[in-house]
Amino acid sequence: MQAISHIVALTSPLFLLAGLGYALVRWFTWPKSISDALTRFVFAVAVPALLFRLMSDFARLPPVDARLLIAYFGGSVIVFGLGRVIALRMFRMDGAAQSVFAMGGIFANTLLLGIPLAKIALGDAALPVVSLVLVFNSLVLWTLVTVSVEWARTRSVSLAGFAETAANVVTNPVVASILAGTAWGWAGVPLPGIADRTLELVGQAAVPLSLIALGMGLAEFDVRNAWRESTAICVLKLAVQPIAVFALARLLELPALETQAIVLLASMPVGANVYLMAREFGALPGAIAASLVLSTAVAAVTTPVVLALTGGSH
């Protein structure tokens, strides 16, 4: 109980920052243009600066057990399959809706919430683990949902669709900054002092601004839509996925830090990318929008519990 109280105290300011962003838009009527601009800055400048600087010091970072990808994405695929079964049996959804529903149970908000929480609760040593997941996250999960929907609709899979997804992932500013920083680190050339200090200052803004941008974005969604479906998505995302990832991590005997970091990421609320999927495939936009807000609110309680149970805090 003491461990949970400690982690609640550690993580509460992060969720309060998200609440601040939500309040600014919902109650103080800040325009959407501000939310869009802040999110763009976080996505294109602040977080890439943080991750590039971290990965540029690659030689000094602790080694990362790459088997964590098997545990994280293996657990995700298992929960995706379970989600499709639930969507079919409980809600009688078609193939496209099943795919989007199941994706809501596994696609986490690793960028705006996962990075800040990992940095605060587990320290900088956990960020290489998070970075490794981020590099593959969109590629693996966008491909999974695209294949699932295309197969459900046409019983065929497009190679062009996979190629487009891969290109989008590589040119993503966050992924590009991780890859570029890692390459710089392998080269063994230290960053010039001025550049290092500038990146440090910009990167320091990444955590608070990410959370405020998250809250501002959540204010755009209506939580009253399709409550049964959104509740089921939240159970999959906040309970079932962390359990599945943790079970695989233990089965693979991953080191403690890798286990804590990937289970933390698995306990994150539903990511905004799932709403983009819902819009693109024309399935469940209301339920997914509601699950974004609901899962973020509930994660303020469940994530500290997950962290305490896995022994995470520094």
C-alpha atoms as a PDB file:
ATOM      1  CA  MET A   1       0.000   0.000   0.000  1.00  0.00           C
ATOM      2  CA  GLN A   2       2.885   2.342   0.786  1.00  0.00           C
ATOM      3  CA  ALA A   3       4.384   1.653  -2.661  1.00  0.00           C
ATOM      4  CA  ILE A   4       1.084   2.534  -4.343  1.00  0.00           C
ATOM      5  CA  SER A   5       0.817   5.767  -2.329  1.00  0.00           C
ATOM      6  CA  HIS A   6       4.362   6.708  -3.321  1.00  0.00           C
ATOM      7  CA  ILE A   7       3.713   6.142  -7.018  1.00  0.00           C
ATOM      8  CA  VAL A   8       0.360   7.952  -6.879  1.00  0.00           C
ATOM      9  CA  ALA A   9       2.198  10.964  -5.433  1.00  0.00           C
ATOM     10  CA  LEU A  10       4.822  10.619  -8.174  1.00  0.00           C
ATOM     11  CA  THR A  11       2.396  10.349 -11.095  1.00  0.00           C
ATOM     12  CA  SER A  12      -0.503  12.538  -9.948  1.00  0.00           C
ATOM     13  CA  PRO A  13       1.071  15.810 -11.195  1.00  0.00           C
ATOM     14  CA  LEU A  14       1.290  14.272 -14.669  1.00  0.00           C
ATOM     15  CA  PHE A  15      -2.418  13.524 -14.796  1.00  0.00           C
ATOM     16  CA  LEU A  16      -3.157  16.944 -13.285  1.00  0.00           C
ATOM     17  CA  LEU A  17      -1.282  18.548 -16.170  1.00  0.00           C
ATOM     18  CA  ALA A  18      -3.480  16.601 -18.586  1.00  0.00           C
ATOM     19  CA  GLY A  19      -6.486  17.824 -16.592  1.00  0.00           C
ATOM     20  CA  LEU A  20      -5.232  21.387 -16.952  1.00  0.00           C
ATOM     21  CA  GLY A  21      -5.114  21.016 -20.721  1.00  0.00           C
ATOM     22  CA  TYR A  22      -8.624  19.544 -20.709  1.00  0.00           C
ATOM     23  CA  ALA A  23      -9.941  22.424 -18.591  1.00  0.00           C
ATOM     24  CA  LEU A  24      -8.366  25.097 -20.786  1.00  0.00           C
ATOM     25  CA  VAL A  25     -10.304  23.855 -23.807  1.00  0.00           C
ATOM     26  CA  ARG A  26     -13.509  22.537 -22.251  1.00  0.00           C
ATOM     27  CA  TRP A  27     -14.163  25.187 -19.578  1.00  0.00           C
ATOM     28  CA  PHE A  28     -12.035  28.169 -20.590  1.00  0.00           C
ATOM     29  CA  THR A  29     -12.887  27.722 -24.283  1.00  0.00           C
ATOM     30  CA  TRP A  30      -9.365  27.995 -25.647  1.00  0.00           C
ATOM     31  CA  PRO A  31      -9.628  27.555 -29.432  1.00  0.00           C
ATOM     32  CA  LYS A  32      -8.719  24.329 -31.206  1.00  0.00           C
ATOM     33  CA  SER A  33      -5.984  26.167 -33.109  1.00  0.00           C
ATOM     34  CA  ILE A  34      -3.967  26.465 -29.883  1.00  0.00           C
ATOM     35  CA  SER A  35      -4.362  22.763 -29.148  1.00  0.00           C
ATOM     36  CA  ASP A  36      -3.307  21.860 -32.692  1.00  0.00           C
ATOM     37  CA  ALA A  37      -0.259  24.148 -32.580  1.00  0.00           C
ATOM     38  CA  LEU A  38       0.888  22.842 -29.186  1.00  0.00           C
ATOM     39  CA  THR A  39       0.460  19.220 -30.266  1.00  0.00           C
ATOM     40  CA  ARG A  40       2.426  19.920 -33.432  1.00  0.00           C
ATOM     41  CA  PHE A  41       5.264  21.517 -31.437  1.00  0.00           C
ATOM     42  CA  VAL A  42       5.386  18.585 -29.012  1.00  0.00           C
ATOM     43  CA  PHE A  43       5.273  16.012 -31.792  1.00  0.00           C
ATOM     44  CA  ALA A  44       7.711  17.698 -34.182  1.00  0.00           C
ATOM     45  CA  VAL A  45      10.145  19.526 -31.859  1.00  0.00           C
ATOM     46  CA  ALA A  46      10.042  18.900 -28.079  1.00  0.00           C
ATOM     47  CA  VAL A  47       9.802  15.086 -27.948  1.00  0.00           C
ATOM     48  CA  PRO A  48      12.208  14.555 -30.883  1.00  0.00           C
ATOM     49  CA  ALA A  49      14.741  16.849 -29.141  1.00  0.00           C
ATOM     50  CA  LEU A  50      14.422  14.846 -25.915  1.00  0.00           C
ATOM     51  CA  LEU A  51      14.815  11.478 -27.655  1.00  0.00           C
ATOM     52  CA  PHE A  52      17.576  12.544 -30.047  1.00  0.00           C
ATOM     53  CA  ARG A  53      19.694  13.901 -27.187  1.00  0.00           C
ATOM     54  CA  LEU A  54      19.116  10.771 -25.122  1.00  0.00           C
ATOM     55  CA  MET A  55      19.924   8.348 -27.945  1.00  0.00           C
ATOM     56  CA  SER A  56      22.939  10.391 -29.114  1.00  0.00           C
ATOM     57  CA  ASP A  57      24.644   9.281 -25.909  1.00  0.00           C
ATOM     58  CA  PHE A  58      23.998   5.692 -26.944  1.00  0.00           C
ATOM     59  CA  ALA A  59      27.359   4.340 -25.766  1.00  0.00           C
ATOM     60  CA  ARG A  60      26.615   5.285 -22.143  1.00  0.00           C
ATOM     61  CA  LEU A  61      23.068   3.952 -22.096  1.00  0.00           C
ATOM     62  CA  PRO A  62      22.360   0.599 -20.449  1.00  0.00           C
ATOM     63  CA  PRO A  63      21.928  -2.297 -22.907  1.00  0.00           C
ATOM     64  CA  VAL A  64      18.339  -3.147 -23.800  1.00  0.00           C
ATOM     65  CA  ASP A  65      17.085  -6.713 -24.130  1.00  0.00           C
ATOM     66  CA  ALA A  66      15.464  -6.764 -27.584  1.00  0.00           C
ATOM     67  CA  ARG A  67      13.258  -9.695 -26.553  1.00  0.00           C
ATOM     68  CA  LEU A  68      11.033  -7.059 -24.962  1.00  0.00           C
ATOM     69  CA  LEU A  69       9.566  -6.579 -28.459  1.00  0.00           C
ATOM     70  CA  ILE A  70       8.387 -10.198 -28.411  1.00  0.00           C
ATOM     71  CA  ALA A  71       6.738  -9.691 -25.016  1.00  0.00           C
ATOM     72  CA  TYR A  72       5.129  -6.342 -25.874  1.00  0.00           C
ATOM     73  CA  PHE A  73       3.899  -7.057 -29.371  1.00  0.00           C
ATOM     74  CA  GLY A  74       3.232 -10.723 -28.681  1.00  0.00           C
ATOM     75  CA  GLY A  75       0.953  -9.707 -25.812  1.00  0.00           C
ATOM     76  CA  SER A  76      -0.645  -7.108 -28.066  1.00  0.00           C
ATOM     77  CA  VAL A  77      -1.434  -9.663 -30.784  1.00  0.00           C
ATOM     78  CA  ILE A  78      -2.991 -12.005 -28.214  1.00  0.00           C
ATOM     79  CA  VAL A  79      -5.225  -9.223 -26.865  1.00  0.00           C
ATOM     80  CA  PHE A  80      -6.070  -8.122 -30.425  1.00  0.00           C
ATOM     81  CA  GLY A  81      -7.367 -11.619 -31.166  1.00  0.00           C
ATOM     82  CA  LEU A  82      -9.348 -11.663 -27.922  1.00  0.00           C
ATOM     83  CA  GLY A  83     -10.760  -8.228 -28.741  1.00  0.00           C
ATOM     84  CA  ARG A  84     -12.006  -9.406 -32.117  1.00  0.00           C
ATOM     85  CA  VAL A  85     -13.756 -12.368 -30.487  1.00  0.00           C
ATOM     86  CA  ILE A  86     -15.428 -10.079 -27.914  1.00  0.00           C
ATOM     87  CA  ALA A  87     -16.489  -7.623 -30.625  1.00  0.00           C
ATOM     88  CA  LEU A  88     -18.077 -10.469 -32.607  1.00  0.00           C
ATOM     89  CA  ARG A  89     -19.701 -12.390 -29.758  1.00  0.00           C
ATOM     90  CA  MET A  90     -20.825  -9.552 -27.480  1.00  0.00           C
ATOM     91  CA  PHE A  91     -21.493  -6.729 -29.927  1.00  0.00           C
ATOM     92  CA  ARG A  92     -22.094  -8.533 -33.254  1.00  0.00           C
ATOM     93  CA  MET A  93     -19.704  -6.219 -35.120  1.00  0.00           C
ATOM     94  CA  ASP A  94     -18.535  -6.711 -38.698  1.00  0.00           C
ATOM     95  CA  GLY A  95     -14.884  -7.386 -39.565  1.00  0.00           C
ATOM     96  CA  ALA A  96     -13.801  -3.736 -39.860  1.00  0.00           C
ATOM     97  CA  ALA A  97     -15.487  -2.743 -36.598  1.00  0.00           C
ATOM     98  CA  GLN A  98     -14.010  -5.787 -34.855  1.00  0.00           C
ATOM     99  CA  SER A  99     -10.531  -4.716 -35.981  1.00  0.00           C
ATOM    100  CA  VAL A 100     -10.908  -1.133 -34.749  1.00  0.00           C
ATOM    101  CA  PHE A 101     -12.468  -2.317 -31.460  1.00  0.00           C
ATOM    102  CA  ALA A 102      -9.584  -4.751 -30.885  1.00  0.00           C
ATOM    103  CA  MET A 103      -7.012  -2.091 -31.786  1.00  0.00           C
ATOM    104  CA  GLY A 104      -8.498   0.148 -29.082  1.00  0.00           C
ATOM    105  CA  GLY A 105      -7.505  -2.555 -26.606  1.00  0.00           C
ATOM    106  CA  ILE A 106      -3.807  -2.518 -27.580  1.00  0.00           C
ATOM    107  CA  PHE A 107      -2.753   0.804 -29.167  1.00  0.00           C
ATOM    108  CA  ALA A 108      -1.471   2.832 -26.224  1.00  0.00           C
ATOM    109  CA  ASN A 109      -0.758   6.527 -25.822  1.00  0.00           C
ATOM    110  CA  THR A 110       2.980   5.873 -25.713  1.00  0.00           C
ATOM    111  CA  LEU A 111       3.993   9.313 -26.950  1.00  0.00           C
ATOM    112  CA  LEU A 112       2.089  11.973 -24.994  1.00  0.00           C
ATOM    113  CA  LEU A 113       1.695   9.966 -21.775  1.00  0.00           C
ATOM    114  CA  GLY A 114       4.017   6.955 -21.969  1.00  0.00           C
ATOM    115  CA  ILE A 115       7.248   8.947 -22.327  1.00  0.00           C
ATOM    116  CA  PRO A 116       6.502  11.377 -19.457  1.00  0.00           C
ATOM    117  CA  LEU A 117       5.398   8.589 -17.114  1.00  0.00           C
ATOM    118  CA  ALA A 118       8.392   6.384 -17.924  1.00  0.00           C
ATOM    119  CA  LYS A 119      10.782   9.300 -17.401  1.00  0.00           C
ATOM    120  CA  ILE A 120       9.268  10.311 -14.057  1.00  0.00           C
ATOM    121  CA  ALA A 121       8.487   6.875 -12.616  1.00  0.00           C
ATOM    122  CA  LEU A 122      11.371   4.771 -13.968  1.00  0.00           C
ATOM    123  CA  GLY A 123      14.022   7.346 -14.862  1.00  0.00           C
ATOM    124  CA  ASP A 124      16.033   8.012 -18.018  1.00  0.00           C
ATOM    125  CA  ALA A 125      17.281   4.409 -18.015  1.00  0.00           C
ATOM    126  CA  ALA A 126      13.802   3.315 -19.170  1.00  0.00           C
ATOM    127  CA  LEU A 127      13.677   5.664 -22.170  1.00  0.00           C
ATOM    128  CA  PRO A 128      15.745   3.431 -24.499  1.00  0.00           C
ATOM    129  CA  VAL A 129      13.161   0.703 -23.863  1.00  0.00           C
ATOM    130  CA  VAL A 130      10.348   3.121 -24.668  1.00  0.00           C
ATOM    131  CA  SER A 131      12.231   4.311 -27.759  1.00  0.00           C
ATOM    132  CA  LEU A 132      12.598   0.752 -29.059  1.00  0.00           C
ATOM    133  CA  VAL A 133       8.857   0.163 -28.693  1.00  0.00           C
ATOM    134  CA  LEU A 134       8.070   3.523 -30.327  1.00  0.00           C
ATOM    135  CA  VAL A 135      10.165   2.694 -33.398  1.00  0.00           C
ATOM    136  CA  PHE A 136       8.121  -0.437 -34.094  1.00  0.00           C
ATOM    137  CA  ASN A 137       4.776   0.521 -32.552  1.00  0.00           C
ATOM    138  CA  SER A 138       3.082   2.336 -35.424  1.00  0.00           C
ATOM    139  CA  LEU A 139       4.588   0.057 -38.064  1.00  0.00           C
ATOM    140  CA  VAL A 140       3.445  -3.149 -36.372  1.00  0.00           C
ATOM    141  CA  LEU A 141       0.026  -2.008 -35.164  1.00  0.00           C
ATOM    142  CA  TRP A 142      -1.022   0.069 -38.200  1.00  0.00           C
ATOM    143  CA  THR A 143      -0.013  -2.894 -40.367  1.00  0.00           C
ATOM    144  CA  LEU A 144      -1.965  -5.276 -38.135  1.00  0.00           C
ATOM    145  CA  VAL A 145      -5.203  -3.280 -38.288  1.00  0.00           C
ATOM    146  CA  THR A 146      -4.835  -2.568 -42.017  1.00  0.00           C
ATOM    147  CA  VAL A 147      -4.289  -6.237 -42.823  1.00  0.00           C
ATOM    148  CA  SER A 148      -7.180  -7.200 -40.546  1.00  0.00           C
ATOM    149  CA  VAL A 149      -9.608  -4.736 -42.141  1.00  0.00           C
ATOM    150  CA  GLU A 150      -8.509  -5.430 -45.722  1.00  0.00           C
ATOM    151  CA  TRP A 151      -8.820  -9.167 -45.174  1.00  0.00           C
ATOM    152  CA  ALA A 152     -12.266  -8.764 -43.612  1.00  0.00           C
ATOM    153  CA  ARG A 153     -13.482  -6.652 -46.541  1.00  0.00           C
ATOM    154  CA  THR A 154     -11.745  -8.174 -49.566  1.00  0.00           C
ATOM    155  CA  ARG A 155     -10.033 -11.369 -48.375  1.00  0.00           C
ATOM    156  CA  SER A 156      -6.770  -9.959 -49.788  1.00  0.00           C
ATOM    157  CA  VAL A 157      -3.869  -7.879 -48.471  1.00  0.00           C
ATOM    158  CA  SER A 158      -2.167  -5.023 -50.309  1.00  0.00           C
ATOM    159  CA  LEU A 159       1.634  -4.866 -50.370  1.00  0.00           C
ATOM    160  CA  ALA A 160       1.349  -1.208 -51.353  1.00  0.00           C
ATOM    161  CA  GLY A 161      -0.537  -0.499 -48.128  1.00  0.00           C
ATOM    162  CA  PHE A 162       2.282  -2.005 -46.068  1.00  0.00           C
ATOM    163  CA  ALA A 163       4.904  -0.004 -47.993  1.00  0.00           C
ATOM    164  CA  GLU A 164       2.980   3.226 -47.398  1.00  0.00           C
ATOM    165  CA  THR A 165       2.718   2.473 -43.673  1.00  0.00           C
ATOM    166  CA  ALA A 166       6.461   1.760 -43.449  1.00  0.00           C
ATOM    167  CA  ALA A 167       7.311   5.015 -45.238  1.00  0.00           C
ATOM    168  CA  ASN A 168       5.046   7.014 -42.932  1.00  0.00           C
ATOM    169  CA  VAL A 169       6.663   5.456 -39.855  1.00  0.00           C
ATOM    170  CA  VAL A 170      10.248   6.139 -40.951  1.00  0.00           C
ATOM    171  CA  THR A 171       9.468   9.796 -41.734  1.00  0.00           C
ATOM    172  CA  ASN A 172       7.620  10.279 -38.470  1.00  0.00           C
ATOM    173  CA  PRO A 173       9.554  12.985 -36.504  1.00  0.00           C
ATOM    174  CA  VAL A 174       9.641  10.917 -33.306  1.00  0.00           C
ATOM    175  CA  VAL A 175      10.879   7.735 -34.981  1.00  0.00           C
ATOM    176  CA  ALA A 176      13.312   9.713 -37.163  1.00  0.00           C
ATOM    177  CA  SER A 177      14.796  11.421 -34.094  1.00  0.00           C
ATOM    178  CA  ILE A 178      15.308   8.047 -32.369  1.00  0.00           C
ATOM    179  CA  LEU A 179      17.006   6.559 -35.440  1.00  0.00           C
ATOM    180  CA  ALA A 180      19.140   9.672 -36.048  1.00  0.00           C
ATOM    181  CA  GLY A 181      20.151   9.913 -32.395  1.00  0.00           C
ATOM    182  CA  THR A 182      21.075   6.229 -32.303  1.00  0.00           C
ATOM    183  CA  ALA A 183      23.185   6.620 -35.452  1.00  0.00           C
ATOM    184  CA  TRP A 184      24.937   9.642 -33.902  1.00  0.00           C
ATOM    185  CA  GLY A 185      25.575   7.631 -30.752  1.00  0.00           C
ATOM    186  CA  TRP A 186      27.070   4.733 -32.728  1.00  0.00           C
ATOM    187  CA  ALA A 187      29.408   7.205 -34.455  1.00  0.00           C
ATOM    188  CA  GLY A 188      30.840   8.057 -31.038  1.00  0.00           C
ATOM    189  CA  VAL A 189      30.944  11.803 -31.705  1.00  0.00           C
ATOM    190  CA  PRO A 190      29.839  13.930 -28.717  1.00  0.00           C
ATOM    191  CA  LEU A 191      27.313  16.660 -29.375  1.00  0.00           C
ATOM    192  CA  PRO A 192      28.788  20.182 -29.425  1.00  0.00           C
ATOM    193  CA  GLY A 193      28.192  21.921 -26.098  1.00  0.00           C
ATOM    194  CA  ILE A 194      25.841  24.581 -27.470  1.00  0.00           C
ATOM    195  CA  ALA A 195      23.756  22.021 -29.373  1.00  0.00           C
ATOM    196  CA  ASP A 196      23.605  19.712 -26.354  1.00  0.00           C
ATOM    197  CA  ARG A 197      22.437  22.476 -24.031  1.00  0.00           C
ATOM    198  CA  THR A 198      19.854  23.734 -26.531  1.00  0.00           C
ATOM    199  CA  LEU A 199      18.438  20.236 -27.017  1.00  0.00           C
ATOM    200  CA  GLU A 200      18.373  19.765 -23.239  1.00  0.00           C
ATOM    201  CA  LEU A 201      16.337  22.947 -22.723  1.00  0.00           C
ATOM    202  CA  VAL A 202      13.871  22.096 -25.486  1.00  0.00           C
ATOM    203  CA  GLY A 203      13.630  18.505 -24.260  1.00  0.00           C
ATOM    204  CA  GLN A 204      12.788  19.660 -20.735  1.00  0.00           C
ATOM    205  CA  ALA A 205       9.587  21.150 -22.143  1.00  0.00           C
ATOM    206  CA  ALA A 206       8.548  17.805 -23.641  1.00  0.00           C
ATOM    207  CA  VAL A 207       7.064  16.260 -20.485  1.00  0.00           C
ATOM    208  CA  PRO A 208       4.752  19.078 -19.284  1.00  0.00           C
ATOM    209  CA  LEU A 209       3.741  20.219 -22.768  1.00  0.00           C
ATOM    210  CA  SER A 210       2.988  16.646 -23.889  1.00  0.00           C
ATOM    211  CA  LEU A 211       0.559  16.226 -21.017  1.00  0.00           C
ATOM    212  CA  ILE A 212      -1.148  19.580 -21.520  1.00  0.00           C
ATOM    213  CA  ALA A 213      -1.498  18.811 -25.242  1.00  0.00           C
ATOM    214  CA  LEU A 214      -2.983  15.422 -24.351  1.00  0.00           C
ATOM    215  CA  GLY A 215      -5.626  17.013 -22.142  1.00  0.00           C
ATOM    216  CA  MET A 216      -6.469  19.658 -24.753  1.00  0.00           C
ATOM    217  CA  GLY A 217      -6.923  16.947 -27.365  1.00  0.00           C
ATOM    218  CA  LEU A 218      -9.187  14.871 -25.120  1.00  0.00           C
ATOM    219  CA  ALA A 219     -11.516  17.855 -24.655  1.00  0.00           C
ATOM    220  CA  GLU A 220     -12.576  17.496 -28.278  1.00  0.00           C
ATOM    221  CA  PHE A 221     -14.241  14.114 -27.700  1.00  0.00           C
ATOM    222  CA  ASP A 222     -17.696  13.303 -26.342  1.00  0.00           C
ATOM    223  CA  VAL A 223     -17.691  10.601 -23.628  1.00  0.00           C
ATOM    224  CA  ARG A 224     -21.436   9.880 -23.861  1.00  0.00           C
ATOM    225  CA  ASN A 225     -21.277   7.779 -27.031  1.00  0.00           C
ATOM    226  CA  ALA A 226     -21.477   3.966 -27.041  1.00  0.00           C
ATOM    227  CA  TRP A 227     -20.622   3.524 -23.351  1.00  0.00           C
ATOM    228  CA  ARG A 228     -20.863  -0.297 -23.395  1.00  0.00           C
ATOM    229  CA  GLU A 229     -18.343  -0.660 -26.216  1.00  0.00           C
ATOM    230  CA  SER A 230     -16.017   2.000 -24.801  1.00  0.00           C
ATOM    231  CA  THR A 231     -16.077   0.380 -21.361  1.00  0.00           C
ATOM    232  CA  ALA A 232     -15.147  -2.989 -22.873  1.00  0.00           C
ATOM    233  CA  ILE A 233     -12.269  -1.348 -24.780  1.00  0.00           C
ATOM    234  CA  CYS A 234     -11.006   0.227 -21.541  1.00  0.00           C
ATOM    235  CA  VAL A 235     -11.018  -3.126 -19.738  1.00  0.00           C
ATOM    236  CA  LEU A 236      -8.972  -4.681 -22.529  1.00  0.00           C
ATOM    237  CA  LYS A 237      -6.546  -1.765 -22.654  1.00  0.00           C
ATOM    238  CA  LEU A 238      -5.992  -1.051 -18.957  1.00  0.00           C
ATOM    239  CA  ALA A 239      -6.249  -4.568 -17.499  1.00  0.00           C
ATOM    240  CA  VAL A 240      -5.967  -7.358 -20.053  1.00  0.00           C
ATOM    241  CA  GLN A 241      -3.076  -5.993 -22.129  1.00  0.00           C
ATOM    242  CA  PRO A 242      -0.794  -5.264 -19.129  1.00  0.00           C
ATOM    243  CA  ILE A 243      -1.458  -8.779 -17.806  1.00  0.00           C
ATOM    244  CA  ALA A 244      -0.689 -10.373 -21.185  1.00  0.00           C
ATOM    245  CA  VAL A 245       2.535  -8.374 -21.636  1.00  0.00           C
ATOM    246  CA  PHE A 246       3.641  -9.072 -18.068  1.00  0.00           C
ATOM    247  CA  ALA A 247       2.987 -12.811 -18.488  1.00  0.00           C
ATOM    248  CA  LEU A 248       5.112 -12.965 -21.646  1.00  0.00           C
ATOM    249  CA  ALA A 249       7.865 -10.873 -20.033  1.00  0.00           C
ATOM    250  CA  ARG A 250       8.022 -13.300 -17.125  1.00  0.00           C
ATOM    251  CA  LEU A 251       7.938 -16.275 -19.496  1.00  0.00           C
ATOM    252  CA  LEU A 252      10.920 -14.811 -21.373  1.00  0.00           C
ATOM    253  CA  GLU A 253      12.636 -13.917 -18.061  1.00  0.00           C
ATOM    254  CA  LEU A 254      13.219 -10.324 -19.132  1.00  0.00           C
ATOM    255  CA  PRO A 255      15.266  -8.062 -16.827  1.00  0.00           C
ATOM    256  CA  ALA A 256      13.328  -6.011 -14.275  1.00  0.00           C
ATOM    257  CA  LEU A 257      13.677  -2.649 -16.029  1.00  0.00           C
ATOM    258  CA  GLU A 258      12.483  -3.939 -19.408  1.00  0.00           C
ATOM    259  CA  THR A 259       9.565  -5.697 -17.724  1.00  0.00           C
ATOM    260  CA  GLN A 260       8.535  -2.607 -15.763  1.00  0.00           C
ATOM    261  CA  ALA A 261       8.825  -0.339 -18.803  1.00  0.00           C
ATOM    262  CA  ILE A 262       6.808  -2.442 -21.254  1.00  0.00           C
ATOM    263  CA  VAL A 263       4.111  -3.242 -18.695  1.00  0.00           C
ATOM    264  CA  LEU A 264       3.907   0.497 -17.962  1.00  0.00           C
ATOM    265  CA  LEU A 265       3.459   1.175 -21.676  1.00  0.00           C
ATOM    266  CA  ALA A 266       0.827  -1.564 -21.905  1.00  0.00           C
ATOM    267  CA  SER A 267      -1.080   0.081 -19.035  1.00  0.00           C
ATOM    268  CA  MET A 268      -1.300   3.397 -20.912  1.00  0.00           C
ATOM    269  CA  PRO A 269      -4.750   4.579 -22.065  1.00  0.00           C
ATOM    270  CA  VAL A 270      -6.038   4.314 -25.621  1.00  0.00           C
ATOM    271  CA  GLY A 271      -3.940   6.294 -28.116  1.00  0.00           C
ATOM    272  CA  ALA A 272      -5.360   8.944 -30.434  1.00  0.00           C
ATOM    273  CA  ASN A 273      -4.154   6.943 -33.444  1.00  0.00           C
ATOM    274  CA  VAL A 274      -7.042   4.548 -32.871  1.00  0.00           C
ATOM    275  CA  TYR A 275      -9.477   7.404 -33.475  1.00  0.00           C
ATOM    276  CA  LEU A 276      -7.694   8.080 -36.778  1.00  0.00           C
ATOM    277  CA  MET A 277      -8.139   4.387 -37.622  1.00  0.00           C
ATOM    278  CA  ALA A 278     -11.834   4.571 -36.733  1.00  0.00           C
ATOM    279  CA  ARG A 279     -12.288   7.558 -39.039  1.00  0.00           C
ATOM    280  CA  GLU A 280     -10.243   6.016 -41.856  1.00  0.00           C
ATOM    281  CA  PHE A 281     -12.098   2.703 -41.810  1.00  0.00           C
ATOM    282  CA  GLY A 282     -15.516   4.213 -40.996  1.00  0.00           C
ATOM    283  CA  ALA A 283     -16.038   2.120 -37.865  1.00  0.00           C
ATOM    284  CA  LEU A 284     -16.794   2.988 -34.212  1.00  0.00           C
ATOM    285  CA  PRO A 285     -15.652   6.641 -34.090  1.00  0.00           C
ATOM    286  CA  GLY A 286     -18.023   7.396 -31.194  1.00  0.00           C
ATOM    287  CA  ALA A 287     -16.960   4.426 -29.065  1.00  0.00           C
ATOM    288  CA  ILE A 288     -13.270   5.064 -29.704  1.00  0.00           C
ATOM    289  CA  ALA A 289     -13.577   8.787 -28.903  1.00  0.00           C
ATOM    290  CA  ALA A 290     -15.301   7.942 -25.627  1.00  0.00           C
ATOM    291  CA  SER A 291     -12.672   5.323 -24.775  1.00  0.00           C
ATOM    292  CA  LEU A 292      -9.879   7.897 -25.240  1.00  0.00           C
ATOM    293  CA  VAL A 293     -11.295  10.111 -22.500  1.00  0.00           C
ATOM    294  CA  LEU A 294     -12.535   7.330 -20.220  1.00  0.00           C
ATOM    295  CA  SER A 295      -9.332   5.270 -20.348  1.00  0.00           C
ATOM    296  CA  THR A 296      -7.167   8.321 -19.620  1.00  0.00           C
ATOM    297  CA  ALA A 297      -9.251   9.189 -16.569  1.00  0.00           C
ATOM    298  CA  VAL A 298      -9.226   5.608 -15.266  1.00  0.00           C
ATOM    299  CA  ALA A 299      -5.477   5.215 -15.956  1.00  0.00           C
ATOM    300  CA  ALA A 300      -4.820   7.874 -13.308  1.00  0.00           C
ATOM    301  CA  VAL A 301      -5.840   5.147 -10.837  1.00  0.00           C
ATOM    302  CA  THR A 302      -4.813   1.919 -12.574  1.00  0.00           C
ATOM    303  CA  THR A 303      -1.347   2.913 -13.802  1.00  0.00           C
ATOM    304  CA  PRO A 304       0.065   3.626 -10.306  1.00  0.00           C
ATOM    305  CA  VAL A 305      -1.252   0.212  -9.232  1.00  0.00           C
ATOM    306  CA  VAL A 306       0.471  -1.454 -12.196  1.00  0.00           C
ATOM    307  CA  LEU A 307       3.708   0.375 -11.432  1.00  0.00           C
ATOM    308  CA  ALA A 308       3.586  -0.662  -7.781  1.00  0.00           C
ATOM    309  CA  LEU A 309       2.892  -4.290  -8.620  1.00  0.00           C
ATOM    310  CA  THR A 310       5.837  -4.438 -11.017  1.00  0.00           C
ATOM    311  CA  GLY A 311       8.113  -2.645  -8.559  1.00  0.00           C
ATOM    312  CA  GLY A 312       8.566   0.470 -10.674  1.00  0.00           C
ATOM    313  CA  SER A 313       9.794   3.775  -9.242  1.00  0.00           C
ATOM    314  CA  HIS A 314      13.221   5.311  -8.799  1.00  0.00           C
END
